[in-house]
mmCIF file of all heavy atoms, coordinates in Angstrom:
data_MODEL
# 
_entry.id   MODEL 
# 
loop_
_atom_site.group_PDB 
_atom_site.id 
_atom_site.type_symbol 
_atom_site.label_atom_id 
_atom_site.label_alt_id 
_atom_site.label_comp_id 
_atom_site.label_asym_id 
_atom_site.label_entity_id 
_atom_site.label_seq_id 
_atom_site.pdbx_PDB_ins_code 
_atom_site.Cartn_x 
_atom_site.Cartn_y 
_atom_site.Cartn_z 
_atom_site.occupancy 
_atom_site.B_iso_or_equiv 
_atom_site.pdbx_formal_charge 
_atom_site.auth_seq_id 
_atom_site.auth_comp_id 
_atom_site.auth_asym_id 
_atom_site.auth_atom_id 
_atom_site.pdbx_PDB_model_num 
ATOM 1   N N   . SER A 1 1  ? 0.863  -1.188 -0.006  1.00 0.00 ? 1  SER A N   1 
ATOM 2   C CA  . SER A 1 1  ? 0.003  0.010  -0.017  1.00 0.00 ? 1  SER A CA  1 
ATOM 3   C C   . SER A 1 1  ? 0.904  1.239  0.010   1.00 0.00 ? 1  SER A C   1 
ATOM 4   O O   . SER A 1 1  ? 2.057  1.172  0.417   1.00 0.00 ? 1  SER A O   1 
ATOM 5   C CB  . SER A 1 1  ? -0.914 -0.001 1.209   1.00 0.00 ? 1  SER A CB  1 
ATOM 6   O OG  . SER A 1 1  ? -0.212 0.100  2.425   1.00 0.00 ? 1  SER A OG  1 
ATOM 7   N N   . PRO A 1 2  ? 0.396  2.368  -0.493  1.00 0.00 ? 2  PRO A N   1 
ATOM 8   C CA  . PRO A 1 2  ? 1.244  3.524  -0.642  1.00 0.00 ? 2  PRO A CA  1 
ATOM 9   C C   . PRO A 1 2  ? 1.964  3.905  0.655   1.00 0.00 ? 2  PRO A C   1 
ATOM 10  O O   . PRO A 1 2  ? 1.398  3.973  1.726   1.00 0.00 ? 2  PRO A O   1 
ATOM 11  C CB  . PRO A 1 2  ? 0.253  4.639  -1.043  1.00 0.00 ? 2  PRO A CB  1 
ATOM 12  C CG  . PRO A 1 2  ? -0.805 3.890  -1.768  1.00 0.00 ? 2  PRO A CG  1 
ATOM 13  C CD  . PRO A 1 2  ? -0.946 2.576  -1.042  1.00 0.00 ? 2  PRO A CD  1 
ATOM 14  N N   . ARG A 1 3  ? 3.289  4.176  0.498   1.00 0.00 ? 3  ARG A N   1 
ATOM 15  C CA  . ARG A 1 3  ? 4.141  4.564  1.610   1.00 0.00 ? 3  ARG A CA  1 
ATOM 16  C C   . ARG A 1 3  ? 4.854  5.832  1.216   1.00 0.00 ? 3  ARG A C   1 
ATOM 17  O O   . ARG A 1 3  ? 5.400  5.945  0.111   1.00 0.00 ? 3  ARG A O   1 
ATOM 18  C CB  . ARG A 1 3  ? 5.136  3.456  1.926   1.00 0.00 ? 3  ARG A CB  1 
ATOM 19  C CG  . ARG A 1 3  ? 6.106  3.785  3.037   1.00 0.00 ? 3  ARG A CG  1 
ATOM 20  C CD  . ARG A 1 3  ? 7.203  2.762  3.197   1.00 0.00 ? 3  ARG A CD  1 
ATOM 21  N NE  . ARG A 1 3  ? 6.686  1.443  3.548   1.00 0.00 ? 3  ARG A NE  1 
ATOM 22  C CZ  . ARG A 1 3  ? 7.451  0.370  3.748   1.00 0.00 ? 3  ARG A CZ  1 
ATOM 23  N NH1 . ARG A 1 3  ? 8.788  0.481  3.611   1.00 0.00 ? 3  ARG A NH1 1 
ATOM 24  N NH2 . ARG A 1 3  ? 6.912  -0.801 4.060   1.00 0.00 ? 3  ARG A NH2 1 
ATOM 25  N N   . LEU A 1 4  ? 4.954  6.808  2.114   1.00 0.00 ? 4  LEU A N   1 
ATOM 26  C CA  . LEU A 1 4  ? 5.643  8.045  1.846   1.00 0.00 ? 4  LEU A CA  1 
ATOM 27  C C   . LEU A 1 4  ? 7.136  7.782  1.654   1.00 0.00 ? 4  LEU A C   1 
ATOM 28  O O   . LEU A 1 4  ? 7.725  6.983  2.379   1.00 0.00 ? 4  LEU A O   1 
ATOM 29  C CB  . LEU A 1 4  ? 5.444  9.023  3.009   1.00 0.00 ? 4  LEU A CB  1 
ATOM 30  C CG  . LEU A 1 4  ? 4.032  9.556  3.214   1.00 0.00 ? 4  LEU A CG  1 
ATOM 31  C CD1 . LEU A 1 4  ? 3.988  10.473 4.442   1.00 0.00 ? 4  LEU A CD1 1 
ATOM 32  C CD2 . LEU A 1 4  ? 3.512  10.302 1.990   1.00 0.00 ? 4  LEU A CD2 1 
ATOM 33  N N   . VAL A 1 5  ? 7.690  8.404  0.662   1.00 0.00 ? 5  VAL A N   1 
ATOM 34  C CA  . VAL A 1 5  ? 9.136  8.314  0.409   1.00 0.00 ? 5  VAL A CA  1 
ATOM 35  C C   . VAL A 1 5  ? 9.842  9.289  1.322   1.00 0.00 ? 5  VAL A C   1 
ATOM 36  O O   . VAL A 1 5  ? 9.732  10.531 1.169   1.00 0.00 ? 5  VAL A O   1 
ATOM 37  C CB  . VAL A 1 5  ? 9.475  8.609  -1.052  1.00 0.00 ? 5  VAL A CB  1 
ATOM 38  C CG1 . VAL A 1 5  ? 10.983 8.580  -1.292  1.00 0.00 ? 5  VAL A CG1 1 
ATOM 39  C CG2 . VAL A 1 5  ? 8.788  7.590  -1.962  1.00 0.00 ? 5  VAL A CG2 1 
ATOM 40  N N   . GLU A 1 6  ? 10.603 8.769  2.288   1.00 0.00 ? 6  GLU A N   1 
ATOM 41  C CA  . GLU A 1 6  ? 11.219 9.618  3.296   1.00 0.00 ? 6  GLU A CA  1 
ATOM 42  C C   . GLU A 1 6  ? 12.734 9.740  3.085   1.00 0.00 ? 6  GLU A C   1 
ATOM 43  O O   . GLU A 1 6  ? 13.443 10.252 3.949   1.00 0.00 ? 6  GLU A O   1 
ATOM 44  C CB  . GLU A 1 6  ? 10.919 9.071  4.670   1.00 0.00 ? 6  GLU A CB  1 
ATOM 45  C CG  . GLU A 1 6  ? 9.428  9.061  4.995   1.00 0.00 ? 6  GLU A CG  1 
ATOM 46  C CD  . GLU A 1 6  ? 9.087  8.502  6.377   1.00 0.00 ? 6  GLU A CD  1 
ATOM 47  O OE1 . GLU A 1 6  ? 9.964  7.793  6.926   1.00 0.00 ? 6  GLU A OE1 1 
ATOM 48  O OE2 . GLU A 1 6  ? 8.007  8.774  6.891   1.00 0.00 ? 6  GLU A OE2 1 
ATOM 49  N N   . THR A 1 7  ? 13.204 9.292  1.965   1.00 0.00 ? 7  THR A N   1 
ATOM 50  C CA  . THR A 1 7  ? 14.628 9.333  1.647   1.00 0.00 ? 7  THR A CA  1 
ATOM 51  C C   . THR A 1 7  ? 15.014 10.592 0.880   1.00 0.00 ? 7  THR A C   1 
ATOM 52  O O   . THR A 1 7  ? 16.217 10.781 0.595   1.00 0.00 ? 7  THR A O   1 
ATOM 53  C CB  . THR A 1 7  ? 15.045 8.107  0.840   1.00 0.00 ? 7  THR A CB  1 
ATOM 54  O OG1 . THR A 1 7  ? 14.241 8.024  -0.338  1.00 0.00 ? 7  THR A OG1 1 
ATOM 55  C CG2 . THR A 1 7  ? 14.885 6.828  1.647   1.00 0.00 ? 7  THR A CG2 1 
ATOM 56  N N   . LEU A 1 8  ? 14.043 11.439 0.537   1.00 0.00 ? 8  LEU A N   1 
ATOM 57  C CA  . LEU A 1 8  ? 14.358 12.668 -0.138  1.00 0.00 ? 8  LEU A CA  1 
ATOM 58  C C   . LEU A 1 8  ? 15.047 13.638 0.813   1.00 0.00 ? 8  LEU A C   1 
ATOM 59  O O   . LEU A 1 8  ? 14.763 13.662 2.026   1.00 0.00 ? 8  LEU A O   1 
ATOM 60  C CB  . LEU A 1 8  ? 13.092 13.297 -0.704  1.00 0.00 ? 8  LEU A CB  1 
ATOM 61  C CG  . LEU A 1 8  ? 12.380 12.541 -1.815  1.00 0.00 ? 8  LEU A CG  1 
ATOM 62  C CD1 . LEU A 1 8  ? 10.975 13.122 -2.036  1.00 0.00 ? 8  LEU A CD1 1 
ATOM 63  C CD2 . LEU A 1 8  ? 13.166 12.618 -3.109  1.00 0.00 ? 8  LEU A CD2 1 
ATOM 64  N N   . ALA A 1 9  ? 15.935 14.454 0.272   1.00 0.00 ? 9  ALA A N   1 
ATOM 65  C CA  . ALA A 1 9  ? 16.585 15.476 1.089   1.00 0.00 ? 9  ALA A CA  1 
ATOM 66  C C   . ALA A 1 9  ? 15.563 16.435 1.681   1.00 0.00 ? 9  ALA A C   1 
ATOM 67  O O   . ALA A 1 9  ? 14.547 16.732 1.022   1.00 0.00 ? 9  ALA A O   1 
ATOM 68  C CB  . ALA A 1 9  ? 17.609 16.231 0.228   1.00 0.00 ? 9  ALA A CB  1 
ATOM 69  N N   . GLU A 1 10 ? 15.820 16.902 2.881   1.00 0.00 ? 10 GLU A N   1 
ATOM 70  C CA  . GLU A 1 10 ? 14.879 17.810 3.549   1.00 0.00 ? 10 GLU A CA  1 
ATOM 71  C C   . GLU A 1 10 ? 14.640 19.056 2.696   1.00 0.00 ? 10 GLU A C   1 
ATOM 72  O O   . GLU A 1 10 ? 15.561 19.647 2.119   1.00 0.00 ? 10 GLU A O   1 
ATOM 73  C CB  . GLU A 1 10 ? 15.440 18.214 4.886   1.00 0.00 ? 10 GLU A CB  1 
ATOM 74  C CG  . GLU A 1 10 ? 14.517 19.091 5.704   1.00 0.00 ? 10 GLU A CG  1 
ATOM 75  C CD  . GLU A 1 10 ? 15.045 19.410 7.091   1.00 0.00 ? 10 GLU A CD  1 
ATOM 76  O OE1 . GLU A 1 10 ? 16.140 18.905 7.404   1.00 0.00 ? 10 GLU A OE1 1 
ATOM 77  O OE2 . GLU A 1 10 ? 14.378 20.164 7.816   1.00 0.00 ? 10 GLU A OE2 1 
ATOM 78  N N   . GLY A 1 11 ? 13.370 19.402 2.519   1.00 0.00 ? 11 GLY A N   1 
ATOM 79  C CA  . GLY A 1 11 ? 13.030 20.570 1.749   1.00 0.00 ? 11 GLY A CA  1 
ATOM 80  C C   . GLY A 1 11 ? 12.771 20.310 0.290   1.00 0.00 ? 11 GLY A C   1 
ATOM 81  O O   . GLY A 1 11 ? 12.343 21.220 -0.456  1.00 0.00 ? 11 GLY A O   1 
ATOM 82  N N   . THR A 1 12 ? 12.977 19.066 -0.181  1.00 0.00 ? 12 THR A N   1 
ATOM 83  C CA  . THR A 1 12 ? 12.740 18.735 -1.597  1.00 0.00 ? 12 THR A CA  1 
ATOM 84  C C   . THR A 1 12 ? 11.244 18.733 -1.854  1.00 0.00 ? 12 THR A C   1 
ATOM 85  O O   . THR A 1 12 ? 10.492 18.078 -1.174  1.00 0.00 ? 12 THR A O   1 
ATOM 86  C CB  . THR A 1 12 ? 13.333 17.350 -1.938  1.00 0.00 ? 12 THR A CB  1 
ATOM 87  O OG1 . THR A 1 12 ? 14.742 17.358 -1.686  1.00 0.00 ? 12 THR A OG1 1 
ATOM 88  C CG2 . THR A 1 12 ? 13.090 17.026 -3.402  1.00 0.00 ? 12 THR A CG2 1 
ATOM 89  N N   . VAL A 1 13 ? 10.837 19.456 -2.899  1.00 0.00 ? 13 VAL A N   1 
ATOM 90  C CA  . VAL A 1 13 ? 9.433  19.517 -3.327  1.00 0.00 ? 13 VAL A CA  1 
ATOM 91  C C   . VAL A 1 13 ? 9.323  18.896 -4.655  1.00 0.00 ? 13 VAL A C   1 
ATOM 92  O O   . VAL A 1 13 ? 9.930  19.370 -5.641  1.00 0.00 ? 13 VAL A O   1 
ATOM 93  C CB  . VAL A 1 13 ? 8.944  20.983 -3.345  1.00 0.00 ? 13 VAL A CB  1 
ATOM 94  C CG1 . VAL A 1 13 ? 7.518  21.058 -3.887  1.00 0.00 ? 13 VAL A CG1 1 
ATOM 95  C CG2 . VAL A 1 13 ? 8.981  21.586 -1.968  1.00 0.00 ? 13 VAL A CG2 1 
ATOM 96  N N   . ILE A 1 14 ? 8.595  17.799 -4.758  1.00 0.00 ? 14 ILE A N   1 
ATOM 97  C CA  . ILE A 1 14 ? 8.373  17.085 -6.031  1.00 0.00 ? 14 ILE A CA  1 
ATOM 98  C C   . ILE A 1 14 ? 7.107  17.600 -6.704  1.00 0.00 ? 14 ILE A C   1 
ATOM 99  O O   . ILE A 1 14 ? 6.089  17.734 -6.076  1.00 0.00 ? 14 ILE A O   1 
ATOM 100 C CB  . ILE A 1 14 ? 8.323  15.587 -5.814  1.00 0.00 ? 14 ILE A CB  1 
ATOM 101 C CG1 . ILE A 1 14 ? 9.600  15.080 -5.119  1.00 0.00 ? 14 ILE A CG1 1 
ATOM 102 C CG2 . ILE A 1 14 ? 8.079  14.848 -7.102  1.00 0.00 ? 14 ILE A CG2 1 
ATOM 103 C CD1 . ILE A 1 14 ? 10.880 15.345 -5.915  1.00 0.00 ? 14 ILE A CD1 1 
ATOM 104 N N   . THR A 1 15 ? 7.228  17.847 -7.991  1.00 0.00 ? 15 THR A N   1 
ATOM 105 C CA  . THR A 1 15 ? 6.106  18.367 -8.770  1.00 0.00 ? 15 THR A CA  1 
ATOM 106 C C   . THR A 1 15 ? 5.574  17.414 -9.807  1.00 0.00 ? 15 THR A C   1 
ATOM 107 O O   . THR A 1 15 ? 4.448  17.575 -10.280 1.00 0.00 ? 15 THR A O   1 
ATOM 108 C CB  . THR A 1 15 ? 6.476  19.699 -9.482  1.00 0.00 ? 15 THR A CB  1 
ATOM 109 O OG1 . THR A 1 15 ? 7.599  19.464 -10.359 1.00 0.00 ? 15 THR A OG1 1 
ATOM 110 C CG2 . THR A 1 15 ? 6.905  20.747 -8.448  1.00 0.00 ? 15 THR A CG2 1 
ATOM 111 N N   . ALA A 1 16 ? 6.348  16.412 -10.222 1.00 0.00 ? 16 ALA A N   1 
ATOM 112 C CA  . ALA A 1 16 ? 5.936  15.468 -11.244 1.00 0.00 ? 16 ALA A CA  1 
ATOM 113 C C   . ALA A 1 16 ? 6.731  14.185 -11.089 1.00 0.00 ? 16 ALA A C   1 
ATOM 114 O O   . ALA A 1 16 ? 7.796  14.168 -10.454 1.00 0.00 ? 16 ALA A O   1 
ATOM 115 C CB  . ALA A 1 16 ? 6.145  16.037 -12.636 1.00 0.00 ? 16 ALA A CB  1 
ATOM 116 N N   . ALA A 1 17 ? 6.176  13.103 -11.676 1.00 0.00 ? 17 ALA A N   1 
ATOM 117 C CA  . ALA A 1 17 ? 6.847  11.810 -11.630 1.00 0.00 ? 17 ALA A CA  1 
ATOM 118 C C   . ALA A 1 17 ? 6.566  11.051 -12.899 1.00 0.00 ? 17 ALA A C   1 
ATOM 119 O O   . ALA A 1 17 ? 5.559  11.255 -13.568 1.00 0.00 ? 17 ALA A O   1 
ATOM 120 C CB  . ALA A 1 17 ? 6.387  11.025 -10.414 1.00 0.00 ? 17 ALA A CB  1 
ATOM 121 N N   . SER A 1 18 ? 7.484  10.120 -13.199 1.00 0.00 ? 18 SER A N   1 
ATOM 122 C CA  . SER A 1 18 ? 7.275  9.201  -14.293 1.00 0.00 ? 18 SER A CA  1 
ATOM 123 C C   . SER A 1 18 ? 7.851  7.850  -13.887 1.00 0.00 ? 18 SER A C   1 
ATOM 124 O O   . SER A 1 18 ? 8.848  7.794  -13.140 1.00 0.00 ? 18 SER A O   1 
ATOM 125 C CB  . SER A 1 18 ? 7.972  9.714  -15.553 1.00 0.00 ? 18 SER A CB  1 
ATOM 126 O OG  . SER A 1 18 ? 7.737  8.883  -16.677 1.00 0.00 ? 18 SER A OG  1 
ATOM 127 N N   . ALA A 1 19 ? 7.215  6.772  -14.302 1.00 0.00 ? 19 ALA A N   1 
ATOM 128 C CA  . ALA A 1 19 ? 7.656  5.417  -13.883 1.00 0.00 ? 19 ALA A CA  1 
ATOM 129 C C   . ALA A 1 19 ? 7.925  4.559  -15.094 1.00 0.00 ? 19 ALA A C   1 
ATOM 130 O O   . ALA A 1 19 ? 7.127  4.515  -16.031 1.00 0.00 ? 19 ALA A O   1 
ATOM 131 C CB  . ALA A 1 19 ? 6.586  4.772  -13.016 1.00 0.00 ? 19 ALA A CB  1 
ATOM 132 N N   . GLY A 1 20 ? 9.060  3.865  -15.081 1.00 0.00 ? 20 GLY A N   1 
ATOM 133 C CA  . GLY A 1 20 ? 9.423  2.950  -16.148 1.00 0.00 ? 20 GLY A CA  1 
ATOM 134 C C   . GLY A 1 20 ? 9.229  1.506  -15.716 1.00 0.00 ? 20 GLY A C   1 
ATOM 135 O O   . GLY A 1 20 ? 8.435  1.210  -14.825 1.00 0.00 ? 20 GLY A O   1 
ATOM 136 N N   . SER A 1 21 ? 9.968  0.610  -16.337 1.00 0.00 ? 21 SER A N   1 
ATOM 137 C CA  . SER A 1 21 ? 9.819  -0.799 -16.076 1.00 0.00 ? 21 SER A CA  1 
ATOM 138 C C   . SER A 1 21 ? 10.154 -1.146 -14.622 1.00 0.00 ? 21 SER A C   1 
ATOM 139 O O   . SER A 1 21 ? 9.384  -1.799 -13.933 1.00 0.00 ? 21 SER A O   1 
ATOM 140 C CB  . SER A 1 21 ? 10.702 -1.630 -17.017 1.00 0.00 ? 21 SER A CB  1 
ATOM 141 O OG  . SER A 1 21 ? 12.063 -1.215 -16.923 1.00 0.00 ? 21 SER A OG  1 
ATOM 142 N N   . ALA A 1 22 ? 11.280 -0.680 -14.142 1.00 0.00 ? 22 ALA A N   1 
ATOM 143 C CA  . ALA A 1 22 ? 11.673 -0.918 -12.748 1.00 0.00 ? 22 ALA A CA  1 
ATOM 144 C C   . ALA A 1 22 ? 12.507 0.255  -12.261 1.00 0.00 ? 22 ALA A C   1 
ATOM 145 O O   . ALA A 1 22 ? 13.442 0.109  -11.486 1.00 0.00 ? 22 ALA A O   1 
ATOM 146 C CB  . ALA A 1 22 ? 12.448 -2.204 -12.604 1.00 0.00 ? 22 ALA A CB  1 
ATOM 147 N N   . HIS A 1 23 ? 12.144 1.459  -12.672 1.00 0.00 ? 23 HIS A N   1 
ATOM 148 C CA  . HIS A 1 23 ? 12.823 2.666  -12.180 1.00 0.00 ? 23 HIS A CA  1 
ATOM 149 C C   . HIS A 1 23 ? 11.834 3.825  -12.185 1.00 0.00 ? 23 HIS A C   1 
ATOM 150 O O   . HIS A 1 23 ? 10.773 3.765  -12.785 1.00 0.00 ? 23 HIS A O   1 
ATOM 151 C CB  . HIS A 1 23 ? 14.037 2.996  -13.025 1.00 0.00 ? 23 HIS A CB  1 
ATOM 152 C CG  . HIS A 1 23 ? 13.788 3.311  -14.450 1.00 0.00 ? 23 HIS A CG  1 
ATOM 153 N ND1 . HIS A 1 23 ? 13.341 2.393  -15.344 1.00 0.00 ? 23 HIS A ND1 1 
ATOM 154 C CD2 . HIS A 1 23 ? 13.894 4.500  -15.137 1.00 0.00 ? 23 HIS A CD2 1 
ATOM 155 C CE1 . HIS A 1 23 ? 13.204 2.968  -16.558 1.00 0.00 ? 23 HIS A CE1 1 
ATOM 156 N NE2 . HIS A 1 23 ? 13.494 4.231  -16.455 1.00 0.00 ? 23 HIS A NE2 1 
ATOM 157 N N   . THR A 1 24 ? 12.173 4.861  -11.452 1.00 0.00 ? 24 THR A N   1 
ATOM 158 C CA  . THR A 1 24 ? 11.288 5.993  -11.243 1.00 0.00 ? 24 THR A CA  1 
ATOM 159 C C   . THR A 1 24 ? 12.078 7.311  -11.456 1.00 0.00 ? 24 THR A C   1 
ATOM 160 O O   . THR A 1 24 ? 13.210 7.437  -11.041 1.00 0.00 ? 24 THR A O   1 
ATOM 161 C CB  . THR A 1 24 ? 10.745 5.986  -9.820  1.00 0.00 ? 24 THR A CB  1 
ATOM 162 O OG1 . THR A 1 24 ? 9.985  4.800  -9.624  1.00 0.00 ? 24 THR A OG1 1 
ATOM 163 C CG2 . THR A 1 24 ? 9.825  7.189  -9.565  1.00 0.00 ? 24 THR A CG2 1 
# 
């Protein structure tokens, strides 16, 4: 089930995403 990604550097703001075969 969806889990927050907490490995991003502090203050990082994500605006878009794309997903491939086994990468993001």
